Each structure stands twice: as C-alpha cells, then as structure tokens.
C-alpha cells in the first residue's frame, strides 16, 4: 500500500540548484518519497549511502570530482533503486547496463518524474510479493545480483554493526548489507531463536546445550 510505504531517498548532484529543484518536484508532484539526505560532494555521497542505506538514490552522472559511474564502483551497499540524472542523453546505454531503475534527463520533466516514482513503487511491491511467496527463503543482495537462502541451510546469524553475517551449511558465509533487525522478522514462525542481542540461531542446528558459566549453544 502506497500510503504505508515511505521510500527513503538520497540525492547526489554537484550542483546544489539541481538538488533543490529535484527535492521541490518530489515534494510537490509525488507522494511517498522522503529525502533523508543530499550532497553535492560525491565522496560524502558514498558515506551517506553506507550510513542511511536508502531505498532510492538519485545520482548525477557528470560531477567533476567523480562521475556517478565511478561512485557506484566504490559502494559496498547497493540494495537501492538507482535513478541517474544528467543533461547528457548519450549516457543512457551505460546507465541501463548499470541496472539503473530509471534515467531522468535534465531539465527533469514533471511527468517523467511521476512515472519514475510510480515504477519504483511497482518494482518494490513486486519484490515484496516475491519475498512473501518465497517465505521459506531469505533474499540477500550481493554485488552481482540476489541470492535466495533456504531456512534449513542457515546455522546462525550474527550482527556485525549495521551488517549481518549469515553462517550456512558447508562453511559458507555471506555478509548481508542490512542489520539483524531486518532479517529477524523474515525468520519468524520457523525454528529460529534470538539467544543474544547479536545472535539468532537455528534451533534445528543445535547439537548440545552447554551449562558452564551460563548457557551456551553448540552449533552443528
């Protein structure tokens, strides 16, 4: 539901006027998009994306210190809808190859922006439906795509700051770009238990409960 969904957005553009114009248009002509941060400095933009982990990033292509394409290469967190903004149409093909959700040509038109925001909501709703249908799968975004992990393959999850480490069967480990609180509800109704602020364990993978200086779970 659009009313319940509020997309958190970051705008990165080397021209403050560009940031202000887009912010005003989003406020005036669209609903459900909240700008949580903006900057005209690409390096700061990287830090803001890693800190806020937004749903949407509006990214200028042409910036003197670092292009939008170069900025993307430096990011660890990439689980957001990417919208390129630029005055130069020749970048469109490259933007598509970077899996951009949309490509807005400056000066940005009202109808193009409305259409862009509507498409983002549609894509996110579709993704949520997929997650619902795969309720016994956990969806993790990795650098080259999305992987789906079966509940029965998870031994435990461990919080690592704003990230989560998944420990799986066969000594497989994945670092996910969201915190433990994000994944815990996705495991509800199965055999998972939060035994510690930083740990969620799969009760089916507990080999032994050790009573020594407290209670410890020995995992498979």
Protein backbone atom coordinates (compact mmCIF):
# COMPACT_ATOMS: atom_id res chain seq x y z
CA UNK A 1 0.00 0.00 0.00
CA UNK A 2 1.45 3.33 -1.13
CA UNK A 3 0.26 5.18 1.98
CA UNK A 4 2.05 2.80 4.29
CA UNK A 5 5.23 2.73 2.20
CA UNK A 6 7.60 5.65 2.58
CA UNK A 7 10.67 5.43 0.37
CA UNK A 8 13.84 6.95 1.82
CA UNK A 9 15.81 8.79 -0.85
CA UNK A 10 19.26 10.39 -1.20
CA UNK A 11 20.09 12.98 -3.90
CA UNK A 12 23.69 13.36 -5.11
CA UNK A 13 24.36 16.18 -7.58
CA UNK A 14 27.38 18.50 -7.80
CA UNK A 15 25.03 21.46 -8.41
CA UNK A 16 23.06 22.50 -5.29
CA UNK A 17 20.43 24.02 -7.62
CA UNK A 18 19.92 20.59 -9.15
CA UNK A 19 19.36 19.08 -5.68
CA UNK A 20 16.89 21.82 -4.71
CA UNK A 21 14.93 21.58 -7.98
CA UNK A 22 14.54 17.78 -7.69
CA UNK A 23 13.65 17.99 -3.98
CA UNK A 24 10.91 20.57 -4.68
CA UNK A 25 9.49 18.48 -7.55
CA UNK A 26 9.42 15.31 -5.46
CA UNK A 27 7.68 17.16 -2.63
CA UNK A 28 5.16 18.90 -4.90
CA UNK A 29 4.29 16.30 -7.54
CA UNK A 30 4.87 12.86 -5.97
CA UNK A 31 3.94 11.18 -2.69
CA UNK A 32 5.65 8.57 -0.54
CA UNK A 33 9.26 9.70 -1.15
CA UNK A 34 11.15 11.19 1.79
CA UNK A 35 14.58 12.76 1.18
CA UNK A 36 16.75 11.68 4.12
CA UNK A 37 20.00 13.26 2.86
CA UNK A 38 21.55 15.11 -0.07
CA UNK A 39 25.01 16.32 -1.03
CA UNK A 40 26.95 17.95 -3.85
CA UNK A 41 30.11 16.05 -2.84
CA UNK A 42 30.39 12.52 -4.31
CA UNK A 43 32.75 11.28 -1.55
CA UNK A 44 30.23 12.41 1.05
CA UNK A 45 27.53 10.76 -1.06
CA UNK A 46 29.25 7.38 -0.65
CA UNK A 47 29.34 7.84 3.14
CA UNK A 48 25.66 8.88 3.22
CA UNK A 49 24.57 5.82 1.23
CA UNK A 50 26.52 3.47 3.51
CA UNK A 51 25.08 5.19 6.60
CA UNK A 52 21.42 5.63 5.61
CA UNK A 53 21.02 2.53 3.38
CA UNK A 54 18.32 4.30 1.33
CA UNK A 55 15.58 2.78 -0.83
CA UNK A 56 16.29 5.16 -3.74
CA UNK A 57 19.36 7.13 -4.90
CA UNK A 58 19.04 9.97 -7.43
CA UNK A 59 22.56 10.21 -8.84
CA UNK A 60 24.02 12.80 -11.19
CA UNK A 61 26.29 11.33 -13.87
CA UNK A 62 28.51 14.35 -14.59
CA UNK A 63 30.37 15.50 -11.49
CA UNK A 64 33.88 16.99 -11.74
CA UNK A 65 35.47 15.17 -8.77
CA UNK A 66 33.98 11.75 -9.56
CA UNK A 67 31.36 10.58 -12.07
CA UNK A 68 28.20 8.83 -10.93
CA UNK A 69 29.50 5.62 -12.54
CA UNK A 70 32.78 5.84 -10.57
CA UNK A 71 30.84 6.47 -7.35
CA UNK A 72 28.87 3.24 -7.85
CA UNK A 73 32.11 1.24 -8.18
CA UNK A 74 33.18 2.40 -4.70
CA UNK A 75 29.94 1.40 -2.92
CA UNK A 76 29.54 -1.66 -0.73
CA UNK A 77 25.82 -1.12 -0.08
CA UNK A 78 23.91 -1.32 -3.37
CA UNK A 79 20.48 -2.53 -2.32
CA UNK A 80 18.59 0.52 -3.61
CA UNK A 81 16.73 1.64 -6.71
CA UNK A 82 19.12 3.74 -8.79
CA UNK A 83 17.91 6.73 -10.81
CA UNK A 84 20.51 8.57 -12.91
CA UNK A 85 20.02 12.29 -13.57
CA UNK A 86 22.00 14.05 -16.30
CA UNK A 87 21.83 16.67 -19.02
CA UNK A 88 23.57 14.31 -21.48
CA UNK A 89 21.43 11.67 -23.27
CA UNK A 90 24.50 9.76 -24.55
CA UNK A 91 24.92 8.10 -21.12
CA UNK A 92 21.59 6.25 -21.37
CA UNK A 93 23.03 2.93 -22.62
CA UNK A 94 25.71 2.86 -19.92
CA UNK A 95 23.06 3.67 -17.29
CA UNK A 96 20.94 0.72 -18.44
CA UNK A 97 23.97 -1.57 -18.19
CA UNK A 98 24.42 -0.42 -14.58
CA UNK A 99 20.90 -1.79 -13.88
CA UNK A 100 19.53 1.70 -13.30
CA UNK A 101 15.83 1.78 -12.44
CA UNK A 102 15.42 4.96 -14.48
CA UNK A 103 17.25 7.70 -16.34
CA UNK A 104 15.99 11.29 -15.99
CA UNK A 105 17.19 13.85 -18.50
CA UNK A 106 17.71 17.38 -17.16
CA UNK A 107 15.79 19.61 -17.01
CA UNK A 108 13.64 16.92 -15.40
CA UNK A 109 10.00 16.90 -16.56
CA UNK A 110 7.15 16.50 -14.07
CA UNK A 111 5.51 13.60 -15.95
CA UNK A 112 8.85 11.75 -16.29
CA UNK A 113 9.47 12.10 -12.55
CA UNK A 114 5.95 10.92 -11.65
CA UNK A 115 6.34 7.92 -13.95
CA UNK A 116 9.77 7.14 -12.44
CA UNK A 117 8.41 7.19 -8.85
CA UNK A 118 5.37 5.07 -9.81
CA UNK A 119 7.65 2.49 -11.44
CA UNK A 120 9.83 2.33 -8.32
CA UNK A 121 6.78 1.67 -6.11
CA UNK A 122 5.60 -1.01 -8.55
CA UNK A 123 9.01 -2.75 -8.55
CA UNK A 124 9.28 -2.69 -4.75
CA UNK A 125 5.73 -4.07 -4.33
CA UNK A 126 6.55 -6.85 -6.81
CA UNK A 127 9.72 -7.68 -4.89
CA UNK A 128 7.78 -7.82 -1.59
CA UNK A 129 5.24 -10.19 -3.16
CA UNK A 130 8.10 -12.42 -4.34
CA UNK A 131 9.54 -12.47 -0.83
CA UNK A 132 6.09 -13.40 0.52
CA UNK A 133 5.76 -16.28 -1.96
CA UNK A 134 9.24 -17.48 -1.03
CA UNK A 135 8.50 -17.24 2.70
CA UNK A 136 10.94 -20.06 3.46
CA UNK A 137 13.70 -18.28 1.57
CA UNK A 138 15.72 -15.30 2.70
CA UNK A 139 16.63 -12.83 -0.05
CA UNK A 140 20.16 -11.38 0.11
CA UNK A 141 21.51 -8.70 -2.22
CA UNK A 142 25.08 -9.34 -3.28
CA UNK A 143 27.31 -7.42 -5.69
CA UNK A 144 26.29 -9.28 -8.85
CA UNK A 145 22.62 -9.94 -8.06
CA UNK A 146 20.31 -11.56 -5.50
CA UNK A 147 20.70 -14.94 -3.81
CA UNK A 148 17.93 -16.89 -2.10
CA UNK A 149 18.87 -18.88 1.02
CA UNK A 150 16.73 -21.72 2.34
CA UNK A 151 15.90 -21.54 6.05
CA UNK A 152 17.15 -25.09 6.56
CA UNK A 153 20.63 -24.14 5.29
CA UNK A 154 21.11 -21.40 7.90
CA UNK A 155 23.03 -22.33 11.05
CA UNK A 156 23.09 -18.88 12.61
CA UNK A 157 23.09 -15.13 12.00
CA UNK A 158 25.45 -12.72 13.70
CA UNK A 159 25.15 -8.92 13.93
CA UNK A 160 28.20 -7.00 12.74
CA UNK A 161 27.45 -3.31 13.18
CA UNK A 162 24.89 -2.37 10.52
CA UNK A 163 25.57 -5.63 8.62
CA UNK A 164 24.60 -9.27 9.26
CA UNK A 165 26.80 -12.33 8.79
CA UNK A 166 24.97 -15.48 7.63
CA UNK A 167 26.67 -18.76 8.59
CA UNK A 168 25.40 -21.61 6.41
CA UNK A 169 26.00 -25.32 5.98
CA UNK A 170 29.29 -26.41 4.34
CA UNK A 171 31.21 -23.49 5.91
CA UNK A 172 29.56 -20.95 3.60
CA UNK A 173 29.45 -17.38 4.90
CA UNK A 174 27.66 -14.34 3.46
CA UNK A 175 27.83 -10.74 4.67
CA UNK A 176 24.48 -9.03 4.10
CA UNK A 177 24.13 -5.26 3.90
CA UNK A 178 21.23 -4.93 6.34
CA UNK A 179 21.16 -5.26 10.12
CA UNK A 180 19.92 -8.22 12.18
CA UNK A 181 16.61 -6.49 12.97
CA UNK A 182 15.78 -6.54 9.25
CA UNK A 183 16.21 -10.31 8.90
CA UNK A 184 14.70 -11.47 12.20
CA UNK A 185 11.02 -10.98 11.14
CA UNK A 186 11.72 -12.93 7.89
CA UNK A 187 12.60 -15.97 10.04
CA UNK A 188 9.56 -15.81 12.32
CA UNK A 189 7.36 -18.87 12.51
CA UNK A 190 10.28 -21.21 11.86
CA UNK A 191 12.91 -22.66 14.17
CA UNK A 192 14.93 -19.53 14.82
CA UNK A 193 15.63 -18.02 18.22
CA UNK A 194 17.36 -14.78 19.20
CA UNK A 195 19.51 -16.06 22.05
CA UNK A 196 21.59 -12.89 22.41
CA UNK A 197 21.35 -9.27 21.13
CA UNK A 198 23.87 -10.13 18.39
CA UNK A 199 22.91 -13.73 17.57
CA UNK A 200 19.98 -15.60 16.04
CA UNK A 201 20.34 -19.39 15.93
CA UNK A 202 18.53 -22.17 14.09
CA UNK A 203 17.29 -24.48 16.88
CA UNK A 204 17.43 -27.45 14.49
CA UNK A 205 21.20 -26.94 14.23
CA UNK A 206 21.86 -27.01 17.99
CA UNK A 207 23.96 -30.08 18.85
CA UNK A 208 24.34 -29.50 22.57
CA UNK A 209 23.40 -27.05 25.31
CA UNK A 210 26.49 -26.46 27.46
CA UNK A 211 25.98 -25.45 31.10
CA UNK A 212 29.20 -23.70 32.02
CA UNK A 213 29.45 -20.07 33.22
CA UNK A 214 25.96 -19.57 31.82
CA UNK A 215 24.24 -21.41 28.98
CA UNK A 216 25.90 -21.91 25.59
CA UNK A 217 24.52 -23.40 22.38
CA UNK A 218 26.95 -25.61 20.49
CA UNK A 219 26.00 -25.43 16.81
CA UNK A 220 26.41 -28.02 14.09
